[in-house]
């Protein structure tokens, strides 16, 4: 049995086991491959991964808060991982650990077929690990990438490191003008529901992201990496305004599909994976 897992802290909420298990079943691989969720605390990350290799696991997906630690632990790194400084896919083979980043490739794969990122004006909200992956992927695909963050200096530092642009001169409480952007990617945690926490007041999430509802309209394409049991305010606003929305569940499917290709060496059943994600949301 080839064992796989997603590791994070916390990780029990992950939809990846349902998605990959459905994919294995669809291809008749259920007796050969398995996928589970394993919680590993940050201070035990390196030891936990080593234990998984000793137990014969073939690889793991890595989620919050371990993506940078996965980069540091790897023996071999893909070009994407080396450039981004974070990994979400580890493969164990021949006593070594190889790191890949399918967050980046998954974002590009999730874009609408009629949307060409080459030459597009893209705005990336956030300056953390997911923003780093998104900005790098879009820049490599030929987009002109601008990074925006409430702490402007973080956007400036990340843009300088990646060779992209930073949104400067817009106050932390001022709305961002989306007029000349073709693509918006939300890489912040705004909209992420926390267990037991009250729902945000209407308009609060958009305000926190410094977005105006009247600018979330066609032909703008919006990618919202946040997902949960209910659509985010950003997703609802985009849908009602006519903007093209790519939600966090689709990104999850696409990055999972790329990890599947790396591990299994076969083309994944995308529709089956998508159906499993939606059914278990």
C-alpha atoms as a PDB file:
ATOM      1  CA  UNK A   1       0.000   0.000   0.000  1.00  0.00           C
ATOM      2  CA  UNK A   2       1.300   3.426  -0.989  1.00  0.00           C
ATOM      3  CA  UNK A   3       0.377   5.716   1.889  1.00  0.00           C
ATOM      4  CA  UNK A   4      -0.067   9.478   1.532  1.00  0.00           C
ATOM      5  CA  UNK A   5      -1.254  12.159   3.933  1.00  0.00           C
ATOM      6  CA  UNK A   6      -1.852  15.843   4.453  1.00  0.00           C
ATOM      7  CA  UNK A   7       0.005  17.203   7.480  1.00  0.00           C
ATOM      8  CA  UNK A   8      -0.755  20.437   9.273  1.00  0.00           C
ATOM      9  CA  UNK A   9      -1.856  21.886  12.612  1.00  0.00           C
ATOM     10  CA  UNK A  10      -4.809  21.763  12.832  1.00  0.00           C
ATOM     11  CA  UNK A  11      -5.700  19.471   9.946  1.00  0.00           C
ATOM     12  CA  UNK A  12      -8.811  17.476  10.896  1.00  0.00           C
ATOM     13  CA  UNK A  13     -10.957  19.821   8.796  1.00  0.00           C
ATOM     14  CA  UNK A  14      -9.015  19.094   5.595  1.00  0.00           C
ATOM     15  CA  UNK A  15     -10.975  17.994   2.535  1.00  0.00           C
ATOM     16  CA  UNK A  16      -7.900  16.489   0.873  1.00  0.00           C
ATOM     17  CA  UNK A  17      -8.454  12.919   2.164  1.00  0.00           C
ATOM     18  CA  UNK A  18     -11.960  12.799   0.675  1.00  0.00           C
ATOM     19  CA  UNK A  19     -10.690  14.258  -2.590  1.00  0.00           C
ATOM     20  CA  UNK A  20      -7.771  11.874  -3.072  1.00  0.00           C
ATOM     21  CA  UNK A  21      -9.631   8.817  -1.830  1.00  0.00           C
ATOM     22  CA  UNK A  22     -12.340   9.469  -4.429  1.00  0.00           C
ATOM     23  CA  UNK A  23      -9.684   9.869  -7.124  1.00  0.00           C
ATOM     24  CA  UNK A  24      -8.024   6.555  -6.225  1.00  0.00           C
ATOM     25  CA  UNK A  25     -11.382   4.777  -6.284  1.00  0.00           C
ATOM     26  CA  UNK A  26     -12.300   6.250  -9.672  1.00  0.00           C
ATOM     27  CA  UNK A  27      -9.075   4.922 -11.191  1.00  0.00           C
ATOM     28  CA  UNK A  28      -9.307   1.529  -9.511  1.00  0.00           C
ATOM     29  CA  UNK A  29      -6.360   2.321  -7.242  1.00  0.00           C
ATOM     30  CA  UNK A  30      -8.142   2.058  -3.915  1.00  0.00           C
ATOM     31  CA  UNK A  31      -6.266  -1.116  -2.979  1.00  0.00           C
ATOM     32  CA  UNK A  32      -2.898   0.406  -3.875  1.00  0.00           C
ATOM     33  CA  UNK A  33      -3.074   3.969  -2.530  1.00  0.00           C
ATOM     34  CA  UNK A  34      -4.448   5.570   0.638  1.00  0.00           C
ATOM     35  CA  UNK A  35      -4.592   9.148   1.927  1.00  0.00           C
ATOM     36  CA  UNK A  36      -5.201  10.444   5.461  1.00  0.00           C
ATOM     37  CA  UNK A  37      -4.890  13.574   7.608  1.00  0.00           C
ATOM     38  CA  UNK A  38      -2.181  13.695  10.276  1.00  0.00           C
ATOM     39  CA  UNK A  39      -1.822  16.519  12.809  1.00  0.00           C
ATOM     40  CA  UNK A  40       1.785  17.460  13.521  1.00  0.00           C
ATOM     41  CA  UNK A  41       2.625  20.347  15.834  1.00  0.00           C
ATOM     42  CA  UNK A  42       5.190  22.866  14.521  1.00  0.00           C
ATOM     43  CA  UNK A  43       7.890  21.899  17.027  1.00  0.00           C
ATOM     44  CA  UNK A  44       7.618  18.273  15.895  1.00  0.00           C
ATOM     45  CA  UNK A  45       7.504  18.886  12.163  1.00  0.00           C
ATOM     46  CA  UNK A  46      10.944  17.561  11.196  1.00  0.00           C
ATOM     47  CA  UNK A  47      10.701  14.583  13.529  1.00  0.00           C
ATOM     48  CA  UNK A  48       7.142  13.873  12.396  1.00  0.00           C
ATOM     49  CA  UNK A  49       8.107  13.826   8.734  1.00  0.00           C
ATOM     50  CA  UNK A  50      11.048  11.530   9.433  1.00  0.00           C
ATOM     51  CA  UNK A  51       8.703   9.161  11.252  1.00  0.00           C
ATOM     52  CA  UNK A  52       6.407   9.066   8.225  1.00  0.00           C
ATOM     53  CA  UNK A  53       9.312   8.165   5.945  1.00  0.00           C
ATOM     54  CA  UNK A  54      10.287   5.367   8.333  1.00  0.00           C
ATOM     55  CA  UNK A  55       6.698   4.098   8.311  1.00  0.00           C
ATOM     56  CA  UNK A  56       6.831   3.787   4.536  1.00  0.00           C
ATOM     57  CA  UNK A  57       4.741   6.759   3.460  1.00  0.00           C
ATOM     58  CA  UNK A  58       5.238   7.740  -0.182  1.00  0.00           C
ATOM     59  CA  UNK A  59       4.683  11.448   0.375  1.00  0.00           C
ATOM     60  CA  UNK A  60       2.610  14.176   1.992  1.00  0.00           C
ATOM     61  CA  UNK A  61       0.816  17.384   1.270  1.00  0.00           C
ATOM     62  CA  UNK A  62       1.844  20.149   3.645  1.00  0.00           C
ATOM     63  CA  UNK A  63      -0.519  22.835   4.862  1.00  0.00           C
ATOM     64  CA  UNK A  64      -0.495  25.637   7.440  1.00  0.00           C
ATOM     65  CA  UNK A  65       1.755  26.237   9.312  1.00  0.00           C
ATOM     66  CA  UNK A  66       4.431  23.946   7.846  1.00  0.00           C
ATOM     67  CA  UNK A  67       5.101  25.113   4.267  1.00  0.00           C
ATOM     68  CA  UNK A  68       8.300  27.014   5.027  1.00  0.00           C
ATOM     69  CA  UNK A  69       9.519  24.232   7.307  1.00  0.00           C
ATOM     70  CA  UNK A  70       8.925  21.774   4.449  1.00  0.00           C
ATOM     71  CA  UNK A  71      11.144  23.923   2.231  1.00  0.00           C
ATOM     72  CA  UNK A  72      13.907  23.860   4.809  1.00  0.00           C
ATOM     73  CA  UNK A  73      13.661  20.109   5.434  1.00  0.00           C
ATOM     74  CA  UNK A  74      13.826  19.016   1.789  1.00  0.00           C
ATOM     75  CA  UNK A  75      16.898  17.445   0.226  1.00  0.00           C
ATOM     76  CA  UNK A  76      15.759  18.291  -3.305  1.00  0.00           C
ATOM     77  CA  UNK A  77      13.669  21.318  -4.344  1.00  0.00           C
ATOM     78  CA  UNK A  78      11.820  22.114  -7.550  1.00  0.00           C
ATOM     79  CA  UNK A  79      12.492  25.447  -9.251  1.00  0.00           C
ATOM     80  CA  UNK A  80       9.152  26.725  -7.931  1.00  0.00           C
ATOM     81  CA  UNK A  81       9.991  25.775  -4.354  1.00  0.00           C
ATOM     82  CA  UNK A  82      13.434  27.356  -4.597  1.00  0.00           C
ATOM     83  CA  UNK A  83      11.959  30.612  -5.882  1.00  0.00           C
ATOM     84  CA  UNK A  84       8.934  30.735  -3.556  1.00  0.00           C
ATOM     85  CA  UNK A  85      10.658  29.519  -0.396  1.00  0.00           C
ATOM     86  CA  UNK A  86       7.779  27.250   0.581  1.00  0.00           C
ATOM     87  CA  UNK A  87       6.564  23.752  -0.307  1.00  0.00           C
ATOM     88  CA  UNK A  88       3.185  22.047  -0.117  1.00  0.00           C
ATOM     89  CA  UNK A  89       4.120  18.643  -1.584  1.00  0.00           C
ATOM     90  CA  UNK A  90       6.820  16.290  -0.335  1.00  0.00           C
ATOM     91  CA  UNK A  91       7.796  13.024  -2.015  1.00  0.00           C
ATOM     92  CA  UNK A  92       9.807  10.365  -0.198  1.00  0.00           C
ATOM     93  CA  UNK A  93      11.997   8.169  -2.389  1.00  0.00           C
ATOM     94  CA  UNK A  94      15.446   6.632  -2.179  1.00  0.00           C
ATOM     95  CA  UNK A  95      16.033   7.997   1.301  1.00  0.00           C
ATOM     96  CA  UNK A  96      15.577  11.616   0.200  1.00  0.00           C
ATOM     97  CA  UNK A  97      12.802  14.190   0.458  1.00  0.00           C
ATOM     98  CA  UNK A  98      11.813  16.125  -2.651  1.00  0.00           C
ATOM     99  CA  UNK A  99       9.780  19.317  -2.329  1.00  0.00           C
ATOM    100  CA  UNK A 100       7.338  20.715  -4.887  1.00  0.00           C
ATOM    101  CA  UNK A 101       4.904  23.618  -4.794  1.00  0.00           C
ATOM    102  CA  UNK A 102       1.616  22.861  -6.508  1.00  0.00           C
ATOM    103  CA  UNK A 103      -0.047  25.939  -4.991  1.00  0.00           C
ATOM    104  CA  UNK A 104       1.605  27.927  -7.777  1.00  0.00           C
ATOM    105  CA  UNK A 105       0.809  25.568 -10.649  1.00  0.00           C
ATOM    106  CA  UNK A 106      -2.686  24.943  -9.263  1.00  0.00           C
ATOM    107  CA  UNK A 107      -3.501  28.648  -9.367  1.00  0.00           C
ATOM    108  CA  UNK A 108      -2.563  28.921 -13.037  1.00  0.00           C
ATOM    109  CA  UNK A 109      -4.488  25.736 -13.906  1.00  0.00           C
ATOM    110  CA  UNK A 110      -7.604  27.088 -12.171  1.00  0.00           C
ATOM    111  CA  UNK A 111      -7.795  30.263 -14.261  1.00  0.00           C
ATOM    112  CA  UNK A 112     -10.603  30.354 -16.863  1.00  0.00           C
ATOM    113  CA  UNK A 113      -9.616  28.784 -20.220  1.00  0.00           C
ATOM    114  CA  UNK A 114     -10.283  32.076 -22.023  1.00  0.00           C
ATOM    115  CA  UNK A 115      -8.163  34.121 -19.604  1.00  0.00           C
ATOM    116  CA  UNK A 116      -4.535  34.535 -20.657  1.00  0.00           C
ATOM    117  CA  UNK A 117      -2.381  35.738 -17.755  1.00  0.00           C
ATOM    118  CA  UNK A 118       0.345  36.873 -20.170  1.00  0.00           C
ATOM    119  CA  UNK A 119       0.164  40.646 -20.258  1.00  0.00           C
ATOM    120  CA  UNK A 120      -2.644  40.805 -17.688  1.00  0.00           C
ATOM    121  CA  UNK A 121      -2.592  43.257 -14.788  1.00  0.00           C
ATOM    122  CA  UNK A 122      -2.827  41.184 -11.591  1.00  0.00           C
ATOM    123  CA  UNK A 123      -3.304  42.377  -8.023  1.00  0.00           C
ATOM    124  CA  UNK A 124      -2.311  39.991  -5.224  1.00  0.00           C
ATOM    125  CA  UNK A 125      -3.674  40.779  -1.764  1.00  0.00           C
ATOM    126  CA  UNK A 126      -1.423  39.660   1.075  1.00  0.00           C
ATOM    127  CA  UNK A 127       2.284  39.113   1.634  1.00  0.00           C
ATOM    128  CA  UNK A 128       2.429  35.653   3.233  1.00  0.00           C
ATOM    129  CA  UNK A 129       3.270  32.241   1.813  1.00  0.00           C
ATOM    130  CA  UNK A 130       0.240  31.900  -0.455  1.00  0.00           C
ATOM    131  CA  UNK A 131       0.734  35.421  -1.785  1.00  0.00           C
ATOM    132  CA  UNK A 132       4.351  34.590  -2.515  1.00  0.00           C
ATOM    133  CA  UNK A 133       3.310  31.507  -4.511  1.00  0.00           C
ATOM    134  CA  UNK A 134       0.572  33.379  -6.388  1.00  0.00           C
ATOM    135  CA  UNK A 135       2.770  36.343  -7.266  1.00  0.00           C
ATOM    136  CA  UNK A 136       5.617  34.122  -8.453  1.00  0.00           C
ATOM    137  CA  UNK A 137       3.307  31.936 -10.553  1.00  0.00           C
ATOM    138  CA  UNK A 138       1.555  34.866 -12.215  1.00  0.00           C
ATOM    139  CA  UNK A 139       4.812  36.704 -12.871  1.00  0.00           C
ATOM    140  CA  UNK A 140       6.269  33.580 -14.468  1.00  0.00           C
ATOM    141  CA  UNK A 141       3.108  33.271 -16.603  1.00  0.00           C
ATOM    142  CA  UNK A 142       3.716  36.759 -17.972  1.00  0.00           C
ATOM    143  CA  UNK A 143       1.377  38.890 -15.870  1.00  0.00           C
ATOM    144  CA  UNK A 144       2.316  42.283 -14.492  1.00  0.00           C
ATOM    145  CA  UNK A 145       1.944  41.588 -10.778  1.00  0.00           C
ATOM    146  CA  UNK A 146       1.256  44.159  -8.080  1.00  0.00           C
ATOM    147  CA  UNK A 147       1.290  43.091  -4.417  1.00  0.00           C
ATOM    148  CA  UNK A 148      -0.873  44.914  -1.864  1.00  0.00           C
ATOM    149  CA  UNK A 149      -0.766  44.532   1.897  1.00  0.00           C
ATOM    150  CA  UNK A 150      -2.133  46.594   4.769  1.00  0.00           C
ATOM    151  CA  UNK A 151       1.440  46.801   6.063  1.00  0.00           C
ATOM    152  CA  UNK A 152       2.900  48.422   2.981  1.00  0.00           C
ATOM    153  CA  UNK A 153       6.510  47.607   3.839  1.00  0.00           C
ATOM    154  CA  UNK A 154       5.765  43.868   3.645  1.00  0.00           C
ATOM    155  CA  UNK A 155       4.379  44.269   0.132  1.00  0.00           C
ATOM    156  CA  UNK A 156       7.408  46.320  -0.868  1.00  0.00           C
ATOM    157  CA  UNK A 157       9.836  43.742   0.526  1.00  0.00           C
ATOM    158  CA  UNK A 158       8.089  40.822  -1.194  1.00  0.00           C
ATOM    159  CA  UNK A 159       7.814  42.665  -4.508  1.00  0.00           C
ATOM    160  CA  UNK A 160      11.486  43.551  -4.389  1.00  0.00           C
ATOM    161  CA  UNK A 161      12.401  39.927  -3.690  1.00  0.00           C
ATOM    162  CA  UNK A 162      10.256  38.547  -6.524  1.00  0.00           C
ATOM    163  CA  UNK A 163      10.944  41.344  -9.011  1.00  0.00           C
ATOM    164  CA  UNK A 164       7.303  42.437  -9.156  1.00  0.00           C
ATOM    165  CA  UNK A 165       5.546  45.633  -8.049  1.00  0.00           C
ATOM    166  CA  UNK A 166       4.043  46.847  -4.783  1.00  0.00           C
ATOM    167  CA  UNK A 167       0.976  49.005  -4.265  1.00  0.00           C
ATOM    168  CA  UNK A 168       2.263  52.098  -2.513  1.00  0.00           C
ATOM    169  CA  UNK A 169       0.698  55.311  -1.314  1.00  0.00           C
ATOM    170  CA  UNK A 170      -2.692  53.802  -0.434  1.00  0.00           C
ATOM    171  CA  UNK A 171      -3.548  54.128   3.245  1.00  0.00           C
ATOM    172  CA  UNK A 172      -4.441  51.059   5.334  1.00  0.00           C
ATOM    173  CA  UNK A 173      -8.081  52.172   5.420  1.00  0.00           C
ATOM    174  CA  UNK A 174      -8.349  53.513   1.864  1.00  0.00           C
ATOM    175  CA  UNK A 175     -10.090  51.458  -0.841  1.00  0.00           C
ATOM    176  CA  UNK A 176      -7.894  50.102  -3.612  1.00  0.00           C
ATOM    177  CA  UNK A 177      -8.805  51.223  -7.107  1.00  0.00           C
ATOM    178  CA  UNK A 178      -9.305  48.082  -9.196  1.00  0.00           C
ATOM    179  CA  UNK A 179     -10.059  49.942 -12.419  1.00  0.00           C
ATOM    180  CA  UNK A 180      -6.994  48.876 -14.394  1.00  0.00           C
ATOM    181  CA  UNK A 181      -6.636  45.345 -12.982  1.00  0.00           C
ATOM    182  CA  UNK A 182      -7.730  42.254 -14.918  1.00  0.00           C
ATOM    183  CA  UNK A 183      -7.185  39.750 -12.106  1.00  0.00           C
ATOM    184  CA  UNK A 184      -7.524  39.920  -8.315  1.00  0.00           C
ATOM    185  CA  UNK A 185      -6.158  37.172  -6.055  1.00  0.00           C
ATOM    186  CA  UNK A 186      -7.110  37.191  -2.376  1.00  0.00           C
ATOM    187  CA  UNK A 187      -4.309  35.537  -0.419  1.00  0.00           C
ATOM    188  CA  UNK A 188      -5.317  37.007   2.935  1.00  0.00           C
ATOM    189  CA  UNK A 189      -7.227  35.141   5.641  1.00  0.00           C
ATOM    190  CA  UNK A 190     -10.120  37.602   5.495  1.00  0.00           C
ATOM    191  CA  UNK A 191     -13.320  35.626   5.156  1.00  0.00           C
ATOM    192  CA  UNK A 192     -11.938  32.528   6.839  1.00  0.00           C
ATOM    193  CA  UNK A 193     -14.579  31.409   9.337  1.00  0.00           C
ATOM    194  CA  UNK A 194     -13.269  30.510  12.770  1.00  0.00           C
ATOM    195  CA  UNK A 195     -15.133  27.968  14.851  1.00  0.00           C
ATOM    196  CA  UNK A 196     -17.263  29.668  17.508  1.00  0.00           C
ATOM    197  CA  UNK A 197     -16.583  33.170  16.189  1.00  0.00           C
ATOM    198  CA  UNK A 198     -19.514  35.399  15.163  1.00  0.00           C
ATOM    199  CA  UNK A 199     -20.016  36.129  11.475  1.00  0.00           C
ATOM    200  CA  UNK A 200     -18.654  39.453  10.254  1.00  0.00           C
ATOM    201  CA  UNK A 201     -21.030  42.337   9.751  1.00  0.00           C
ATOM    202  CA  UNK A 202     -22.095  42.802   6.096  1.00  0.00           C
ATOM    203  CA  UNK A 203     -19.396  44.694   4.234  1.00  0.00           C
ATOM    204  CA  UNK A 204     -16.769  44.163   6.936  1.00  0.00           C
ATOM    205  CA  UNK A 205     -14.719  41.625   4.973  1.00  0.00           C
ATOM    206  CA  UNK A 206     -14.582  43.785   1.857  1.00  0.00           C
ATOM    207  CA  UNK A 207     -13.598  46.774   3.962  1.00  0.00           C
ATOM    208  CA  UNK A 208     -10.832  44.746   5.617  1.00  0.00           C
ATOM    209  CA  UNK A 209      -9.496  43.854   2.159  1.00  0.00           C
ATOM    210  CA  UNK A 210      -9.906  47.500   1.055  1.00  0.00           C
ATOM    211  CA  UNK A 211     -12.226  46.503  -1.788  1.00  0.00           C
ATOM    212  CA  UNK A 212     -15.319  48.225  -3.158  1.00  0.00           C
ATOM    213  CA  UNK A 213     -18.282  46.072  -4.138  1.00  0.00           C
ATOM    214  CA  UNK A 214     -19.053  48.257  -7.159  1.00  0.00           C
ATOM    215  CA  UNK A 215     -15.663  47.366  -8.688  1.00  0.00           C
ATOM    216  CA  UNK A 216     -16.076  43.596  -8.332  1.00  0.00           C
ATOM    217  CA  UNK A 217     -17.769  43.356 -11.709  1.00  0.00           C
ATOM    218  CA  UNK A 218     -17.168  41.911 -15.179  1.00  0.00           C
ATOM    219  CA  UNK A 219     -14.713  41.505 -16.794  1.00  0.00           C
ATOM    220  CA  UNK A 220     -12.643  41.227 -13.605  1.00  0.00           C
ATOM    221  CA  UNK A 221     -11.489  37.697 -12.703  1.00  0.00           C
ATOM    222  CA  UNK A 222     -11.280  37.060  -8.950  1.00  0.00           C
ATOM    223  CA  UNK A 223      -9.487  34.191  -7.219  1.00  0.00           C
ATOM    224  CA  UNK A 224     -10.409  33.773  -3.543  1.00  0.00           C
ATOM    225  CA  UNK A 225      -8.155  31.268  -1.803  1.00  0.00           C
ATOM    226  CA  UNK A 226     -10.373  31.213   1.292  1.00  0.00           C
ATOM    227  CA  UNK A 227     -13.014  28.505   1.502  1.00  0.00           C
ATOM    228  CA  UNK A 228     -15.329  27.083   4.111  1.00  0.00           C
ATOM    229  CA  UNK A 229     -18.781  25.612   4.575  1.00  0.00           C
ATOM    230  CA  UNK A 230     -20.337  28.834   3.254  1.00  0.00           C
ATOM    231  CA  UNK A 231     -19.248  31.183   0.431  1.00  0.00           C
ATOM    232  CA  UNK A 232     -17.180  34.164   1.553  1.00  0.00           C
ATOM    233  CA  UNK A 233     -18.491  37.698   1.280  1.00  0.00           C
ATOM    234  CA  UNK A 234     -15.989  38.293  -1.503  1.00  0.00           C
ATOM    235  CA  UNK A 235     -17.334  35.282  -3.418  1.00  0.00           C
ATOM    236  CA  UNK A 236     -20.953  36.336  -2.992  1.00  0.00           C
ATOM    237  CA  UNK A 237     -20.216  39.914  -4.073  1.00  0.00           C
ATOM    238  CA  UNK A 238     -18.294  38.798  -7.161  1.00  0.00           C
ATOM    239  CA  UNK A 239     -21.061  36.434  -8.201  1.00  0.00           C
ATOM    240  CA  UNK A 240     -23.773  39.063  -7.851  1.00  0.00           C
ATOM    241  CA  UNK A 241     -21.665  41.709  -9.566  1.00  0.00           C
ATOM    242  CA  UNK A 242     -20.818  39.595 -12.602  1.00  0.00           C
ATOM    243  CA  UNK A 243     -17.091  39.156 -11.971  1.00  0.00           C
ATOM    244  CA  UNK A 244     -15.682  35.715 -12.800  1.00  0.00           C
ATOM    245  CA  UNK A 245     -15.008  33.863  -9.541  1.00  0.00           C
ATOM    246  CA  UNK A 246     -12.508  31.061  -8.904  1.00  0.00           C
ATOM    247  CA  UNK A 247     -13.066  29.951  -5.331  1.00  0.00           C
ATOM    248  CA  UNK A 248     -10.740  28.303  -2.853  1.00  0.00           C
ATOM    249  CA  UNK A 249     -12.251  24.873  -3.411  1.00  0.00           C
ATOM    250  CA  UNK A 250     -11.281  24.942  -7.086  1.00  0.00           C
ATOM    251  CA  UNK A 251      -7.743  25.952  -6.130  1.00  0.00           C
ATOM    252  CA  UNK A 252      -7.670  23.031  -3.679  1.00  0.00           C
ATOM    253  CA  UNK A 253      -8.726  20.651  -6.452  1.00  0.00           C
ATOM    254  CA  UNK A 254      -6.136  21.947  -8.893  1.00  0.00           C
ATOM    255  CA  UNK A 255      -3.203  21.874  -6.502  1.00  0.00           C
ATOM    256  CA  UNK A 256      -4.307  18.411  -5.358  1.00  0.00           C
ATOM    257  CA  UNK A 257      -4.433  17.229  -8.951  1.00  0.00           C
ATOM    258  CA  UNK A 258      -0.849  18.355  -9.534  1.00  0.00           C
ATOM    259  CA  UNK A 259       0.302  16.576  -6.363  1.00  0.00           C
ATOM    260  CA  UNK A 260      -1.540  13.446  -7.574  1.00  0.00           C
ATOM    261  CA  UNK A 261       0.370  13.569 -10.875  1.00  0.00           C
ATOM    262  CA  UNK A 262       3.686  13.811  -9.036  1.00  0.00           C
ATOM    263  CA  UNK A 263       3.009  10.860  -6.744  1.00  0.00           C
ATOM    264  CA  UNK A 264       0.913   8.500  -8.865  1.00  0.00           C
ATOM    265  CA  UNK A 265       2.208   9.337 -12.322  1.00  0.00           C
ATOM    266  CA  UNK A 266      -1.278   9.243 -13.834  1.00  0.00           C
ATOM    267  CA  UNK A 267      -3.767  11.848 -14.964  1.00  0.00           C
ATOM    268  CA  UNK A 268      -6.156  12.550 -12.059  1.00  0.00           C
ATOM    269  CA  UNK A 269      -9.958  12.478 -12.465  1.00  0.00           C
ATOM    270  CA  UNK A 270     -10.558  16.211 -11.957  1.00  0.00           C
ATOM    271  CA  UNK A 271     -14.357  16.049 -12.004  1.00  0.00           C
ATOM    272  CA  UNK A 272     -14.391  13.244  -9.442  1.00  0.00           C
ATOM    273  CA  UNK A 273     -12.076  15.230  -7.173  1.00  0.00           C
ATOM    274  CA  UNK A 274     -14.205  18.341  -7.571  1.00  0.00           C
ATOM    275  CA  UNK A 275     -17.395  16.433  -6.783  1.00  0.00           C
ATOM    276  CA  UNK A 276     -15.837  14.924  -3.661  1.00  0.00           C
ATOM    277  CA  UNK A 277     -14.758  18.337  -2.413  1.00  0.00           C
ATOM    278  CA  UNK A 278     -18.192  19.880  -2.957  1.00  0.00           C
ATOM    279  CA  UNK A 279     -19.969  16.921  -1.348  1.00  0.00           C
ATOM    280  CA  UNK A 280     -17.823  17.075   1.788  1.00  0.00           C
ATOM    281  CA  UNK A 281     -17.657  20.854   2.128  1.00  0.00           C
END
